[in-house]
Amino acid sequence: MQPDAIREMLAGLRQASMMRKPPGTVTILRTRIQEAGADLGEVERWIREHSGELRVAPSVRSRGLRPGRAIAPESGPTPYYVIPKTALAE
């Protein structure tokens, strides 16, 4: 995949707005990149070359009102990328 095609693909993906990130960056879930059919290795290389990084959000456990009683199954850790906005605007 060409670098411009990777940038355009990333810029067109929906951002993960609820993830923690520094100012001036965007977050994109790893699963969204995989769903787009991109070569994950190439995309990760492009992200690192443009000062981005992979982060992993911790597992989330939903608890009910009663101690020890979950109301939803625990979700696993969520990998996502933090990418500078300037890298997507080039």
Protein backbone atom coordinates (compact mmCIF):
# COMPACT_ATOMS: atom_id res chain seq x y z
CA MET A 1 0.00 0.00 0.00
CA GLN A 2 1.36 3.44 -0.91
CA PRO A 3 1.93 5.95 1.93
CA ASP A 4 -0.66 8.39 0.52
CA ALA A 5 -3.23 5.59 0.33
CA ILE A 6 -2.57 4.67 3.98
CA ARG A 7 -2.94 8.30 5.06
CA GLU A 8 -6.20 8.69 3.12
CA MET A 9 -7.55 5.42 4.51
CA LEU A 10 -6.72 6.40 8.11
CA ALA A 11 -8.15 9.90 7.64
CA GLY A 12 -11.41 8.37 6.39
CA LEU A 13 -11.89 5.98 9.31
CA ARG A 14 -14.17 6.88 12.20
CA GLN A 15 -12.23 8.03 15.25
CA ALA A 16 -12.51 6.41 18.68
CA SER A 17 -13.48 9.58 20.53
CA MET A 18 -13.77 8.02 24.01
CA MET A 19 -10.14 6.88 24.19
CA ARG A 20 -7.54 8.85 26.14
CA LYS A 21 -5.21 10.84 23.91
CA PRO A 22 -2.93 13.85 24.01
CA PRO A 23 -4.09 17.14 22.45
CA GLY A 24 -3.50 17.38 18.71
CA THR A 25 -3.97 13.66 18.07
CA VAL A 26 -6.70 11.30 16.91
CA THR A 27 -7.43 7.75 18.00
CA ILE A 28 -8.40 4.92 15.67
CA LEU A 29 -9.28 1.41 16.80
CA ARG A 30 -7.11 -1.37 15.41
CA THR A 31 -10.25 -3.34 14.48
CA ARG A 32 -11.41 -0.51 12.18
CA ILE A 33 -8.14 -0.72 10.26
CA GLN A 34 -8.49 -4.50 9.95
CA GLU A 35 -12.11 -4.13 8.79
CA ALA A 36 -10.92 -1.74 6.08
CA GLY A 37 -8.87 -4.62 4.66
CA ALA A 38 -5.52 -2.87 5.01
CA ASP A 39 -2.22 -4.66 5.60
CA LEU A 40 -1.85 -4.08 9.35
CA GLY A 41 1.95 -4.37 9.25
CA GLU A 42 2.28 -1.64 6.63
CA VAL A 43 -0.19 0.60 8.42
CA GLU A 44 1.58 0.16 11.79
CA ARG A 45 4.92 1.01 10.15
CA TRP A 46 3.40 4.17 8.61
CA ILE A 47 1.91 5.17 11.98
CA ARG A 48 5.26 4.74 13.80
CA GLU A 49 7.09 6.68 11.07
CA HIS A 50 4.65 9.57 11.63
CA SER A 51 5.14 9.65 15.44
CA GLY A 52 2.05 7.60 16.21
CA GLU A 53 1.82 4.73 18.66
CA LEU A 54 -0.20 1.70 19.65
CA ARG A 55 -1.95 1.82 23.01
CA VAL A 56 -4.21 -0.66 24.74
CA ALA A 57 -7.25 0.39 26.76
CA PRO A 58 -7.81 -1.79 29.84
CA SER A 59 -10.58 -4.36 30.08
CA VAL A 60 -13.96 -3.02 31.15
CA ARG A 61 -16.17 -4.82 33.60
CA SER A 62 -19.78 -3.76 33.99
CA ARG A 63 -21.12 -4.14 37.52
CA GLY A 64 -24.68 -4.21 38.72
CA LEU A 65 -26.11 -2.72 41.90
CA ARG A 66 -25.40 -5.86 43.91
CA PRO A 67 -21.82 -6.72 44.87
CA GLY A 68 -20.28 -9.49 42.80
CA ARG A 69 -22.99 -9.40 40.16
CA ALA A 70 -22.03 -8.38 36.64
CA ILE A 71 -24.69 -7.07 34.26
CA ALA A 72 -22.64 -7.60 31.10
CA PRO A 73 -19.72 -9.81 30.12
CA GLU A 74 -16.26 -8.34 30.60
CA SER A 75 -14.81 -6.84 27.45
CA GLY A 76 -11.18 -7.55 26.63
CA PRO A 77 -8.45 -4.99 26.21
CA THR A 78 -8.95 -2.67 23.23
CA PRO A 79 -5.91 -1.88 21.06
CA TYR A 80 -5.99 1.52 19.38
CA TYR A 81 -3.61 3.91 17.64
CA VAL A 82 -2.84 7.49 18.64
CA ILE A 83 -1.87 9.48 15.55
CA PRO A 84 -0.93 13.16 15.26
CA LYS A 85 -3.56 15.14 13.35
CA THR A 86 -0.81 16.73 11.26
CA ALA A 87 0.21 13.30 9.89
CA LEU A 88 -3.29 12.78 8.50
CA ALA A 89 -3.48 16.27 6.98
CA GLU A 90 -0.26 16.14 4.92
